[in-house]
Amino acid sequence: MEPDYPISVIEVGNYPWAEDFTTDLKLVFGFIQNADDKEKLQAFAQKEKQGFAELAEDAYDLIGAMTNTKELDRIKKENQMGRERINMCKAIDDMLADAREEGRSEAEKTMIRIFIHNYLEEGCSREEIEQKLQKLFPDRKINLAEYFA
């Protein structure tokens, strides 16, 4: 006869007593619960700054796995340098900076699409639009083909 052991299942995203934990589990649950809202995540990280500054590697890995955040692996490789503890504050700051940069990039693409659309409606040629974009963005080459697709 096999032993009959009870199994407790916890839905991490909705667990209401995560604040009661006194271990890294509190940080893992809190991160997962706030991962979809960058402002809440940043506020949580600031509140738990001391704990996140010296987060155990296994807790860091669990957060990465549970949130499917590939950026955490990259940040870990860049910042760990043989330590068993990882500064999650730096990782969160890097992730938020990447998200802000991605947001700026998307906003820039939208602005360029609107710019192109407006000049096309005015009857400008691709070459004229290209020249106008080069004046706006002299430090980089914009591939118009991706906007005309």
Protein backbone atom coordinates (compact mmCIF):
# COMPACT_ATOMS: atom_id res chain seq x y z
CA MET A 1 0.00 0.00 0.00
CA GLU A 2 1.35 3.42 -0.94
CA PRO A 3 1.46 6.18 1.66
CA ASP A 4 -1.26 8.78 1.39
CA TYR A 5 0.30 12.23 1.71
CA PRO A 6 -1.72 15.40 1.28
CA ILE A 7 -0.54 17.84 -1.37
CA SER A 8 -1.15 21.55 -0.99
CA VAL A 9 -1.37 23.62 -4.16
CA ILE A 10 -0.85 27.37 -4.06
CA GLU A 11 -1.75 29.72 -6.88
CA VAL A 12 1.20 32.09 -6.57
CA GLY A 13 -0.36 34.93 -8.55
CA ASN A 14 -3.33 35.18 -6.19
CA TYR A 15 -1.80 34.12 -2.89
CA PRO A 16 -2.96 36.87 -0.48
CA TRP A 17 -0.49 36.28 2.37
CA ALA A 18 2.85 36.56 0.56
CA GLU A 19 3.85 39.43 2.86
CA ASP A 20 3.80 37.00 5.79
CA PHE A 21 6.79 35.04 4.47
CA THR A 22 10.13 35.89 6.07
CA THR A 23 12.32 34.20 3.44
CA ASP A 24 13.10 34.82 -0.22
CA LEU A 25 9.72 33.23 -0.93
CA LYS A 26 8.16 36.59 -0.07
CA LEU A 27 10.26 38.20 -2.82
CA VAL A 28 9.51 35.43 -5.32
CA PHE A 29 5.75 35.62 -4.73
CA GLY A 30 5.75 39.41 -4.73
CA PHE A 31 7.74 39.64 -7.95
CA ILE A 32 5.47 37.14 -9.71
CA GLN A 33 2.33 38.89 -8.46
CA ASN A 34 3.56 42.27 -9.74
CA ALA A 35 5.36 41.17 -12.91
CA ASP A 36 2.59 42.32 -15.27
CA ASP A 37 2.55 45.90 -13.99
CA LYS A 38 5.89 47.69 -14.20
CA GLU A 39 4.88 50.47 -11.78
CA LYS A 40 3.73 47.97 -9.15
CA LEU A 41 6.84 45.88 -9.72
CA GLN A 42 9.08 48.91 -9.31
CA ALA A 43 7.25 49.93 -6.12
CA PHE A 44 7.52 46.40 -4.74
CA ALA A 45 11.22 46.22 -5.62
CA GLN A 46 11.85 49.56 -3.92
CA LYS A 47 9.99 48.43 -0.80
CA GLU A 48 11.98 45.17 -0.70
CA LYS A 49 15.24 46.70 -1.89
CA GLN A 50 17.38 45.15 0.84
CA GLY A 51 16.09 41.63 0.15
CA PHE A 52 16.42 42.00 -3.62
CA ALA A 53 19.96 43.36 -3.27
CA GLU A 54 21.16 39.95 -2.02
CA LEU A 55 18.64 37.50 -3.50
CA ALA A 56 19.66 33.83 -3.44
CA GLU A 57 20.48 32.43 -6.86
CA ASP A 58 17.81 29.72 -6.69
CA ALA A 59 15.14 32.34 -5.87
CA TYR A 60 16.37 34.48 -8.78
CA ASP A 61 16.20 31.45 -11.10
CA LEU A 62 12.70 30.60 -9.86
CA ILE A 63 11.51 34.14 -10.60
CA GLY A 64 12.97 33.89 -14.10
CA ALA A 65 11.31 30.52 -14.72
CA MET A 66 7.92 31.46 -13.27
CA THR A 67 7.70 34.76 -15.15
CA ASN A 68 9.35 33.40 -18.31
CA THR A 69 11.64 36.43 -18.29
CA LYS A 70 14.54 35.68 -20.61
CA GLU A 71 16.13 39.01 -19.72
CA LEU A 72 16.88 37.72 -16.22
CA ASP A 73 19.17 35.02 -17.62
CA ARG A 74 21.11 37.60 -19.63
CA ILE A 75 21.36 39.98 -16.68
CA LYS A 76 22.44 37.13 -14.38
CA LYS A 77 25.28 36.15 -16.72
CA GLU A 78 26.45 39.76 -16.97
CA ASN A 79 26.35 40.52 -13.25
CA GLN A 80 26.85 37.34 -11.23
CA MET A 81 30.62 36.85 -11.52
CA GLY A 82 30.82 33.72 -9.35
CA ARG A 83 28.60 34.94 -6.52
CA GLU A 84 25.87 32.79 -5.00
CA ARG A 85 23.66 35.82 -4.46
CA ILE A 86 22.44 38.16 -7.16
CA ASN A 87 21.49 41.83 -6.98
CA MET A 88 17.91 41.64 -8.23
CA CYS A 89 17.55 45.43 -7.86
CA LYS A 90 20.02 45.86 -10.70
CA ALA A 91 18.16 43.24 -12.74
CA ILE A 92 14.81 44.98 -12.20
CA ASP A 93 16.32 48.36 -13.07
CA ASP A 94 17.82 46.87 -16.25
CA MET A 95 14.52 45.24 -17.21
CA LEU A 96 12.59 48.47 -16.70
CA ALA A 97 15.18 50.43 -18.67
CA ASP A 98 14.90 47.90 -21.50
CA ALA A 99 11.10 48.20 -21.40
CA ARG A 100 11.30 52.01 -21.51
CA GLU A 101 13.72 51.82 -24.45
CA GLU A 102 11.43 49.37 -26.23
CA GLY A 103 8.50 51.73 -25.61
CA ARG A 104 10.48 54.66 -27.02
CA SER A 105 11.43 52.58 -30.04
CA GLU A 106 7.79 51.66 -30.69
CA ALA A 107 6.72 55.28 -30.25
CA GLU A 108 9.41 56.37 -32.70
CA LYS A 109 8.25 53.80 -35.26
CA THR A 110 4.67 55.00 -34.90
CA MET A 111 5.78 58.61 -35.35
CA ILE A 112 7.73 57.69 -38.52
CA ARG A 113 4.73 55.81 -39.93
CA ILE A 114 2.51 58.86 -39.35
CA PHE A 115 5.18 61.12 -40.85
CA ILE A 116 5.44 58.92 -43.97
CA HIS A 117 1.65 58.62 -44.31
CA ASN A 118 1.18 62.39 -44.09
CA TYR A 119 3.85 63.13 -46.70
CA LEU A 120 2.50 60.42 -49.02
CA GLU A 121 -0.95 62.02 -48.80
CA GLU A 122 0.66 65.34 -49.75
CA GLY A 123 2.11 63.68 -52.84
CA CYS A 124 5.77 63.46 -51.78
CA SER A 125 7.92 60.76 -53.36
CA ARG A 126 9.80 58.10 -51.42
CA GLU A 127 13.04 59.94 -52.13
CA GLU A 128 11.66 63.21 -50.71
CA ILE A 129 10.38 61.43 -47.62
CA GLU A 130 13.74 59.71 -47.21
CA GLN A 131 15.52 63.09 -47.33
CA LYS A 132 13.14 64.58 -44.76
CA LEU A 133 13.68 61.60 -42.43
CA GLN A 134 17.47 61.92 -42.79
CA LYS A 135 17.17 65.53 -41.63
CA LEU A 136 15.09 64.44 -38.63
CA PHE A 137 17.38 61.51 -37.78
CA PRO A 138 20.83 62.45 -39.07
CA ASP A 139 22.64 60.02 -36.78
CA ARG A 140 21.07 56.84 -38.17
CA LYS A 141 19.86 55.19 -41.33
CA ILE A 142 16.13 54.52 -41.47
CA ASN A 143 15.06 51.66 -43.72
CA LEU A 144 11.93 52.92 -45.45
CA ALA A 145 11.18 49.46 -46.82
CA GLU A 146 9.97 48.30 -43.40
CA TYR A 147 7.48 51.19 -43.32
CA PHE A 148 6.20 50.61 -46.85
CA ALA A 149 5.54 46.90 -46.34
